[in-house]
Amino acid sequence: MLEVNTAIPAAGLSIAEAAARTGVSVHTLRYYERAGLVVTAIDRTATGRRRYHRLDLEWITVCTRLRATGMPISGIRRYAELVAAGPGNEKERLALLEAHRADVRARLAEIQTSLELIDHKIGVYRGRLEAGDADRLWAPVPERTWQAE
């Protein structure tokens, strides 16, 4: 992850250096650019090689975090378009982020409920193992087929 106090040369970073600093692959950086997820055009050297600057790295971090929380590429693209358009659309940006936050919170609640079940099961197994009667735990048994006598 990008460290704020880490110096970036005035000439910028190569794509490999940017990938190392942001924790994403070179392929991902190229994809973000092709998919329209960047807010400014990535700088290029005279020979056409990409050069990344602090703003680029910070934005890549934003995209990576949004993606990690489940925001679809189309949502990140829309957010990038709004940011790139500049002032005047802050209400729309806020609405987009609030809707995503609601989705994330709902998924977190679902995961918390699942974690509680797992914790319960772990407690049951630990208790039964300590009591020495773990072999009495319920286990599904295949149904027997009826055979006429």
N, C-alpha and C. Protein backbone atom coordinates (compact mmCIF):
# COMPACT_ATOMS: atom_id res chain seq x y z
N MET A 1 0.84 -1.18 0.00
CA MET A 1 0.00 0.00 0.00
C MET A 1 0.89 1.24 0.00
N LEU A 2 0.46 2.25 -0.64
CA LEU A 2 1.21 3.50 -0.77
C LEU A 2 1.42 4.15 0.58
N GLU A 3 2.66 4.49 0.85
CA GLU A 3 2.97 5.24 2.06
C GLU A 3 3.03 6.71 1.71
N VAL A 4 2.28 7.53 2.45
CA VAL A 4 2.16 8.95 2.14
C VAL A 4 3.50 9.67 2.19
N ASN A 5 4.35 9.29 3.12
CA ASN A 5 5.62 10.00 3.30
C ASN A 5 6.73 9.49 2.39
N THR A 6 6.44 8.53 1.56
CA THR A 6 7.45 7.98 0.67
C THR A 6 7.64 8.93 -0.51
N ALA A 7 8.89 9.32 -0.72
CA ALA A 7 9.20 10.26 -1.81
C ALA A 7 9.01 9.60 -3.17
N ILE A 8 8.49 10.38 -4.07
CA ILE A 8 8.34 9.94 -5.45
C ILE A 8 9.17 10.89 -6.30
N PRO A 9 10.04 10.36 -7.14
CA PRO A 9 10.87 11.24 -7.96
C PRO A 9 10.02 12.17 -8.84
N ALA A 10 10.55 13.34 -9.12
CA ALA A 10 9.82 14.32 -9.95
C ALA A 10 9.45 13.73 -11.31
N ALA A 11 10.30 12.84 -11.82
CA ALA A 11 10.03 12.23 -13.12
C ALA A 11 8.96 11.14 -13.02
N GLY A 12 8.56 10.79 -11.81
CA GLY A 12 7.55 9.76 -11.62
C GLY A 12 8.16 8.38 -11.50
N LEU A 13 7.29 7.41 -11.41
CA LEU A 13 7.69 6.02 -11.26
C LEU A 13 7.33 5.22 -12.50
N SER A 14 8.13 4.21 -12.77
CA SER A 14 7.79 3.30 -13.86
C SER A 14 6.56 2.49 -13.45
N ILE A 15 5.99 1.78 -14.40
CA ILE A 15 4.81 0.97 -14.10
C ILE A 15 5.14 -0.12 -13.09
N ALA A 16 6.35 -0.70 -13.18
CA ALA A 16 6.74 -1.74 -12.22
C ALA A 16 6.89 -1.14 -10.83
N GLU A 17 7.48 0.04 -10.73
CA GLU A 17 7.63 0.70 -9.43
C GLU A 17 6.27 1.08 -8.86
N ALA A 18 5.37 1.57 -9.71
CA ALA A 18 4.03 1.93 -9.27
C ALA A 18 3.28 0.70 -8.77
N ALA A 19 3.44 -0.41 -9.47
CA ALA A 19 2.80 -1.65 -9.05
C ALA A 19 3.31 -2.07 -7.68
N ALA A 20 4.62 -1.98 -7.48
CA ALA A 20 5.20 -2.36 -6.19
C ALA A 20 4.70 -1.45 -5.07
N ARG A 21 4.60 -0.16 -5.35
CA ARG A 21 4.17 0.80 -4.32
C ARG A 21 2.69 0.65 -3.96
N THR A 22 1.86 0.29 -4.92
CA THR A 22 0.42 0.21 -4.68
C THR A 22 -0.05 -1.20 -4.31
N GLY A 23 0.79 -2.19 -4.55
CA GLY A 23 0.41 -3.55 -4.21
C GLY A 23 -0.47 -4.22 -5.24
N VAL A 24 -0.56 -3.64 -6.43
CA VAL A 24 -1.32 -4.28 -7.52
C VAL A 24 -0.35 -4.67 -8.62
N SER A 25 -0.79 -5.50 -9.51
CA SER A 25 0.08 -5.96 -10.59
C SER A 25 0.17 -4.93 -11.71
N VAL A 26 1.20 -5.07 -12.52
CA VAL A 26 1.36 -4.24 -13.71
C VAL A 26 0.13 -4.41 -14.60
N HIS A 27 -0.34 -5.63 -14.71
CA HIS A 27 -1.54 -5.92 -15.52
C HIS A 27 -2.74 -5.12 -15.00
N THR A 28 -2.90 -5.08 -13.69
CA THR A 28 -4.02 -4.34 -13.09
C THR A 28 -3.91 -2.86 -13.39
N LEU A 29 -2.72 -2.30 -13.31
CA LEU A 29 -2.53 -0.88 -13.63
C LEU A 29 -2.94 -0.59 -15.06
N ARG A 30 -2.52 -1.43 -15.98
CA ARG A 30 -2.89 -1.24 -17.38
C ARG A 30 -4.40 -1.38 -17.56
N TYR A 31 -4.99 -2.36 -16.87
CA TYR A 31 -6.43 -2.57 -16.95
C TYR A 31 -7.18 -1.36 -16.43
N TYR A 32 -6.78 -0.82 -15.28
CA TYR A 32 -7.45 0.36 -14.73
C TYR A 32 -7.47 1.49 -15.75
N GLU A 33 -6.37 1.66 -16.44
CA GLU A 33 -6.29 2.72 -17.45
C GLU A 33 -7.24 2.42 -18.63
N ARG A 34 -7.19 1.20 -19.15
CA ARG A 34 -8.05 0.82 -20.28
C ARG A 34 -9.53 0.87 -19.91
N ALA A 35 -9.85 0.53 -18.67
CA ALA A 35 -11.25 0.46 -18.23
C ALA A 35 -11.82 1.83 -17.87
N GLY A 36 -11.02 2.86 -17.96
CA GLY A 36 -11.49 4.21 -17.67
C GLY A 36 -11.63 4.49 -16.18
N LEU A 37 -10.78 3.87 -15.37
CA LEU A 37 -10.87 4.04 -13.93
C LEU A 37 -9.93 5.11 -13.39
N VAL A 38 -9.09 5.67 -14.24
CA VAL A 38 -8.16 6.69 -13.78
C VAL A 38 -8.78 8.08 -13.99
N VAL A 39 -8.39 9.03 -13.12
CA VAL A 39 -9.01 10.35 -13.19
C VAL A 39 -8.22 11.34 -14.04
N THR A 40 -6.96 11.03 -14.27
CA THR A 40 -6.14 11.87 -15.16
C THR A 40 -5.39 10.96 -16.10
N ALA A 41 -4.99 11.49 -17.23
CA ALA A 41 -4.21 10.68 -18.17
C ALA A 41 -2.86 10.36 -17.53
N ILE A 42 -2.45 9.11 -17.61
CA ILE A 42 -1.17 8.71 -17.06
C ILE A 42 -0.07 9.32 -17.93
N ASP A 43 0.86 9.97 -17.26
CA ASP A 43 1.98 10.61 -17.93
C ASP A 43 2.80 9.58 -18.70
N ARG A 44 3.40 10.02 -19.79
CA ARG A 44 4.24 9.12 -20.60
C ARG A 44 5.59 9.78 -20.86
N THR A 45 6.61 8.95 -20.97
CA THR A 45 7.94 9.46 -21.33
C THR A 45 7.96 9.72 -22.83
N ALA A 46 9.05 10.28 -23.31
CA ALA A 46 9.19 10.55 -24.74
C ALA A 46 9.12 9.25 -25.55
N THR A 47 9.48 8.14 -24.92
CA THR A 47 9.43 6.84 -25.61
C THR A 47 8.10 6.12 -25.39
N GLY A 48 7.15 6.77 -24.71
CA GLY A 48 5.82 6.20 -24.54
C GLY A 48 5.62 5.35 -23.30
N ARG A 49 6.62 5.28 -22.46
CA ARG A 49 6.47 4.48 -21.23
C ARG A 49 5.69 5.26 -20.18
N ARG A 50 4.83 4.54 -19.47
CA ARG A 50 4.02 5.18 -18.43
C ARG A 50 4.90 5.67 -17.28
N ARG A 51 4.52 6.82 -16.73
CA ARG A 51 5.17 7.37 -15.54
C ARG A 51 4.07 7.75 -14.56
N TYR A 52 4.15 7.23 -13.37
CA TYR A 52 3.12 7.45 -12.35
C TYR A 52 3.60 8.46 -11.32
N HIS A 53 2.70 9.34 -10.92
CA HIS A 53 3.00 10.36 -9.92
C HIS A 53 2.12 10.14 -8.70
N ARG A 54 2.34 10.91 -7.64
CA ARG A 54 1.62 10.73 -6.38
C ARG A 54 0.10 10.68 -6.57
N LEU A 55 -0.47 11.61 -7.32
CA LEU A 55 -1.91 11.62 -7.54
C LEU A 55 -2.38 10.31 -8.16
N ASP A 56 -1.61 9.80 -9.12
CA ASP A 56 -1.95 8.53 -9.77
C ASP A 56 -1.97 7.39 -8.75
N LEU A 57 -0.93 7.34 -7.92
CA LEU A 57 -0.83 6.26 -6.93
C LEU A 57 -1.93 6.36 -5.88
N GLU A 58 -2.24 7.57 -5.46
CA GLU A 58 -3.31 7.73 -4.49
C GLU A 58 -4.65 7.31 -5.08
N TRP A 59 -4.89 7.66 -6.35
CA TRP A 59 -6.15 7.27 -6.99
C TRP A 59 -6.22 5.76 -7.17
N ILE A 60 -5.11 5.13 -7.53
CA ILE A 60 -5.08 3.67 -7.69
C ILE A 60 -5.44 3.01 -6.35
N THR A 61 -4.96 3.59 -5.27
CA THR A 61 -5.29 3.08 -3.94
C THR A 61 -6.80 3.19 -3.69
N VAL A 62 -7.40 4.30 -4.07
CA VAL A 62 -8.85 4.46 -3.93
C VAL A 62 -9.57 3.37 -4.73
N CYS A 63 -9.18 3.19 -5.98
CA CYS A 63 -9.81 2.18 -6.83
C CYS A 63 -9.66 0.78 -6.23
N THR A 64 -8.48 0.49 -5.75
CA THR A 64 -8.21 -0.83 -5.18
C THR A 64 -9.08 -1.08 -3.95
N ARG A 65 -9.21 -0.07 -3.11
CA ARG A 65 -10.04 -0.23 -1.90
C ARG A 65 -11.52 -0.37 -2.26
N LEU A 66 -11.98 0.41 -3.21
CA LEU A 66 -13.37 0.29 -3.64
C LEU A 66 -13.63 -1.10 -4.21
N ARG A 67 -12.72 -1.57 -5.02
CA ARG A 67 -12.87 -2.89 -5.64
C ARG A 67 -12.85 -3.98 -4.57
N ALA A 68 -11.95 -3.84 -3.58
CA ALA A 68 -11.84 -4.83 -2.51
C ALA A 68 -13.12 -4.90 -1.67
N THR A 69 -13.88 -3.82 -1.65
CA THR A 69 -15.14 -3.82 -0.90
C THR A 69 -16.32 -4.22 -1.78
N GLY A 70 -16.03 -4.65 -2.98
CA GLY A 70 -17.08 -5.20 -3.84
C GLY A 70 -17.73 -4.22 -4.80
N MET A 71 -17.20 -3.00 -4.89
CA MET A 71 -17.80 -2.08 -5.85
C MET A 71 -17.52 -2.59 -7.26
N PRO A 72 -18.54 -2.68 -8.09
CA PRO A 72 -18.32 -3.15 -9.46
C PRO A 72 -17.47 -2.15 -10.24
N ILE A 73 -16.81 -2.64 -11.26
CA ILE A 73 -15.98 -1.79 -12.12
C ILE A 73 -16.82 -0.63 -12.66
N SER A 74 -18.06 -0.90 -13.02
CA SER A 74 -18.91 0.18 -13.55
C SER A 74 -19.11 1.28 -12.51
N GLY A 75 -19.22 0.92 -11.25
CA GLY A 75 -19.36 1.92 -10.18
C GLY A 75 -18.10 2.73 -9.99
N ILE A 76 -16.95 2.05 -10.03
CA ILE A 76 -15.67 2.76 -9.91
C ILE A 76 -15.48 3.69 -11.11
N ARG A 77 -15.84 3.19 -12.29
CA ARG A 77 -15.73 4.02 -13.50
C ARG A 77 -16.60 5.27 -13.37
N ARG A 78 -17.81 5.10 -12.89
CA ARG A 78 -18.71 6.25 -12.73
C ARG A 78 -18.14 7.24 -11.72
N TYR A 79 -17.62 6.74 -10.63
CA TYR A 79 -17.01 7.60 -9.62
C TYR A 79 -15.81 8.34 -10.22
N ALA A 80 -14.98 7.64 -10.98
CA ALA A 80 -13.83 8.27 -11.63
C ALA A 80 -14.27 9.36 -12.60
N GLU A 81 -15.33 9.09 -13.36
CA GLU A 81 -15.86 10.10 -14.29
C GLU A 81 -16.30 11.36 -13.54
N LEU A 82 -16.98 11.17 -12.43
CA LEU A 82 -17.44 12.31 -11.64
C LEU A 82 -16.27 13.11 -11.08
N VAL A 83 -15.28 12.41 -10.54
CA VAL A 83 -14.11 13.09 -10.00
C VAL A 83 -13.37 13.83 -11.10
N ALA A 84 -13.19 13.17 -12.24
CA ALA A 84 -12.46 13.79 -13.36
C ALA A 84 -13.20 15.00 -13.91
N ALA A 85 -14.53 15.01 -13.79
CA ALA A 85 -15.32 16.14 -14.30
C ALA A 85 -15.13 17.40 -13.45
N GLY A 86 -14.61 17.22 -12.24
CA GLY A 86 -14.35 18.38 -11.39
C GLY A 86 -15.54 18.78 -10.54
N PRO A 87 -15.49 20.00 -10.00
CA PRO A 87 -16.53 20.46 -9.07
C PRO A 87 -17.92 20.52 -9.72
N GLY A 88 -18.92 20.41 -8.82
CA GLY A 88 -20.30 20.55 -9.28
C GLY A 88 -21.11 19.28 -9.19
N ASN A 89 -20.46 18.15 -8.98
CA ASN A 89 -21.20 16.89 -8.93
C ASN A 89 -21.00 16.17 -7.59
N GLU A 90 -20.67 16.92 -6.58
CA GLU A 90 -20.36 16.33 -5.28
C GLU A 90 -21.54 15.55 -4.69
N LYS A 91 -22.76 16.02 -4.91
CA LYS A 91 -23.93 15.31 -4.40
C LYS A 91 -24.04 13.92 -5.03
N GLU A 92 -23.74 13.84 -6.31
CA GLU A 92 -23.81 12.54 -6.99
C GLU A 92 -22.69 11.62 -6.49
N ARG A 93 -21.51 12.17 -6.27
CA ARG A 93 -20.41 11.36 -5.72
C ARG A 93 -20.80 10.83 -4.35
N LEU A 94 -21.36 11.71 -3.53
CA LEU A 94 -21.77 11.32 -2.18
C LEU A 94 -22.81 10.22 -2.23
N ALA A 95 -23.79 10.37 -3.08
CA ALA A 95 -24.85 9.36 -3.20
C ALA A 95 -24.27 8.01 -3.62
N LEU A 96 -23.34 8.03 -4.56
CA LEU A 96 -22.71 6.80 -5.03
C LEU A 96 -21.98 6.12 -3.88
N LEU A 97 -21.21 6.89 -3.12
CA LEU A 97 -20.44 6.32 -2.02
C LEU A 97 -21.34 5.86 -0.87
N GLU A 98 -22.40 6.60 -0.60
CA GLU A 98 -23.32 6.18 0.46
C GLU A 98 -24.04 4.88 0.10
N ALA A 99 -24.42 4.74 -1.16
CA ALA A 99 -25.07 3.49 -1.60
C ALA A 99 -24.09 2.32 -1.47
N HIS A 100 -22.85 2.55 -1.84
CA HIS A 100 -21.85 1.49 -1.74
C HIS A 100 -21.61 1.14 -0.27
N ARG A 101 -21.52 2.16 0.58
CA ARG A 101 -21.33 1.90 2.01
C ARG A 101 -22.46 1.05 2.56
N ALA A 102 -23.69 1.31 2.16
CA ALA A 102 -24.83 0.51 2.62
C ALA A 102 -24.67 -0.94 2.19
N ASP A 103 -24.23 -1.16 0.96
CA ASP A 103 -23.98 -2.53 0.48
C ASP A 103 -22.90 -3.22 1.30
N VAL A 104 -21.82 -2.49 1.57
CA VAL A 104 -20.70 -3.05 2.34
C VAL A 104 -21.18 -3.40 3.76
N ARG A 105 -21.92 -2.51 4.37
CA ARG A 105 -22.42 -2.78 5.73
C ARG A 105 -23.34 -3.99 5.75
N ALA A 106 -24.16 -4.16 4.74
CA ALA A 106 -25.05 -5.33 4.67
C ALA A 106 -24.23 -6.61 4.55
N ARG A 107 -23.20 -6.59 3.72
CA ARG A 107 -22.34 -7.77 3.58
C ARG A 107 -21.58 -8.06 4.87
N LEU A 108 -21.13 -7.00 5.55
CA LEU A 108 -20.44 -7.18 6.83
C LEU A 108 -21.36 -7.82 7.86
N ALA A 109 -22.61 -7.40 7.89
CA ALA A 109 -23.58 -7.97 8.83
C ALA A 109 -23.79 -9.45 8.53
N GLU A 110 -23.88 -9.79 7.27
CA GLU A 110 -24.05 -11.18 6.87
C GLU A 110 -22.83 -12.01 7.26
N ILE A 111 -21.65 -11.45 7.04
CA ILE A 111 -20.42 -12.15 7.41
C ILE A 111 -20.34 -12.29 8.93
N GLN A 112 -20.74 -11.27 9.68
CA GLN A 112 -20.73 -11.34 11.14
C GLN A 112 -21.63 -12.46 11.64
N THR A 113 -22.81 -12.58 11.06
CA THR A 113 -23.72 -13.66 11.44
C THR A 113 -23.10 -15.03 11.16
N SER A 114 -22.45 -15.16 10.03
CA SER A 114 -21.78 -16.42 9.69
C SER A 114 -20.62 -16.70 10.64
N LEU A 115 -19.88 -15.67 10.99
CA LEU A 115 -18.77 -15.83 11.93
C LEU A 115 -19.27 -16.29 13.30
N GLU A 116 -20.41 -15.76 13.71
CA GLU A 116 -20.99 -16.17 14.99
C GLU A 116 -21.33 -17.66 14.98
N LEU A 117 -21.85 -18.16 13.87
CA LEU A 117 -22.14 -19.59 13.75
C LEU A 117 -20.86 -20.40 13.84
N ILE A 118 -19.83 -19.96 13.14
CA ILE A 118 -18.54 -20.66 13.16
C ILE A 118 -17.98 -20.67 14.58
N ASP A 119 -18.02 -19.53 15.26
CA ASP A 119 -17.53 -19.46 16.64
C ASP A 119 -18.30 -20.42 17.54
N HIS A 120 -19.62 -20.48 17.36
CA HIS A 120 -20.44 -21.41 18.15
C HIS A 120 -19.99 -22.85 17.91
N LYS A 121 -19.83 -23.22 16.65
CA LYS A 121 -19.43 -24.59 16.32
C LYS A 121 -18.06 -24.91 16.91
N ILE A 122 -17.13 -23.97 16.84
CA ILE A 122 -15.80 -24.18 17.42
C ILE A 122 -15.93 -24.41 18.93
N GLY A 123 -16.78 -23.64 19.59
CA GLY A 123 -17.00 -23.81 21.02
C GLY A 123 -17.56 -25.18 21.34
N VAL A 124 -18.51 -25.64 20.54
CA VAL A 124 -19.10 -26.97 20.75
C VAL A 124 -18.02 -28.04 20.63
N TYR A 125 -17.24 -27.99 19.55
CA TYR A 125 -16.21 -29.01 19.35
C TYR A 125 -15.16 -28.97 20.46
N ARG A 126 -14.72 -27.78 20.85
CA ARG A 126 -13.73 -27.69 21.93
C ARG A 126 -14.30 -28.28 23.22
N GLY A 127 -15.54 -27.90 23.53
CA GLY A 127 -16.17 -28.41 24.76
C GLY A 127 -16.28 -29.92 24.75
N ARG A 128 -16.71 -30.49 23.64
CA ARG A 128 -16.87 -31.95 23.55
C ARG A 128 -15.53 -32.67 23.59
N LEU A 129 -14.52 -32.08 22.95
CA LEU A 129 -13.19 -32.70 23.00
C LEU A 129 -12.64 -32.67 24.42
N GLU A 130 -12.82 -31.55 25.12
CA GLU A 130 -12.35 -31.45 26.50
C GLU A 130 -13.11 -32.40 27.42
N ALA A 131 -14.39 -32.59 27.17
CA ALA A 131 -15.21 -33.48 27.98
C ALA A 131 -14.97 -34.95 27.65
N GLY A 132 -14.31 -35.19 26.53
CA GLY A 132 -14.01 -36.56 26.13
C GLY A 132 -15.17 -37.28 25.47
N ASP A 133 -16.19 -36.57 25.05
CA ASP A 133 -17.32 -37.24 24.41
C ASP A 133 -17.61 -36.67 23.02
N ALA A 134 -16.55 -36.33 22.32
CA ALA A 134 -16.71 -35.77 20.96
C ALA A 134 -17.34 -36.77 20.02
N ASP A 135 -17.18 -38.06 20.32
CA ASP A 135 -17.75 -39.08 19.43
C ASP A 135 -19.28 -39.09 19.48
N ARG A 136 -19.87 -38.36 20.43
CA ARG A 136 -21.33 -38.29 20.53
C ARG A 136 -21.90 -37.12 19.73
N LEU A 137 -21.04 -36.36 19.07
CA LEU A 137 -21.54 -35.25 18.25
C LEU A 137 -22.35 -35.80 17.10
N TRP A 138 -23.38 -35.06 16.74
CA TRP A 138 -24.24 -35.46 15.64
C TRP A 138 -23.46 -35.49 14.34
N ALA A 139 -23.71 -36.51 13.55
CA ALA A 139 -23.14 -36.62 12.21
C ALA A 139 -24.21 -37.22 11.32
N PRO A 140 -24.37 -36.70 10.12
CA PRO A 140 -25.40 -37.25 9.24
C PRO A 140 -25.09 -38.70 8.88
N VAL A 141 -26.13 -39.48 8.85
CA VAL A 141 -26.01 -40.90 8.50
C VAL A 141 -26.84 -41.12 7.24
N PRO A 142 -26.28 -41.75 6.26
CA PRO A 142 -27.07 -42.01 5.03
C PRO A 142 -28.32 -42.81 5.36
N GLU A 143 -29.40 -42.47 4.68
CA GLU A 143 -30.64 -43.22 4.88
C GLU A 143 -30.45 -44.66 4.42
N ARG A 144 -31.07 -45.54 5.18
CA ARG A 144 -30.99 -46.95 4.80
C ARG A 144 -32.16 -47.25 3.85
N THR A 145 -31.90 -48.09 2.95
CA THR A 145 -32.98 -48.49 2.04
C THR A 145 -33.79 -49.60 2.71
N TRP A 146 -35.12 -49.53 2.52
CA TRP A 146 -36.02 -50.53 3.09
C TRP A 146 -35.87 -51.82 2.34
N GLN A 147 -35.77 -52.84 3.07
CA GLN A 147 -35.77 -54.17 2.45
C GLN A 147 -36.89 -54.97 3.09
N ALA A 148 -37.71 -55.50 2.26
CA ALA A 148 -38.81 -56.32 2.78
C ALA A 148 -38.24 -57.63 3.32
N GLU A 149 -38.80 -58.05 4.47
CA GLU A 149 -38.33 -59.31 5.05
C GLU A 149 -39.17 -60.46 4.61
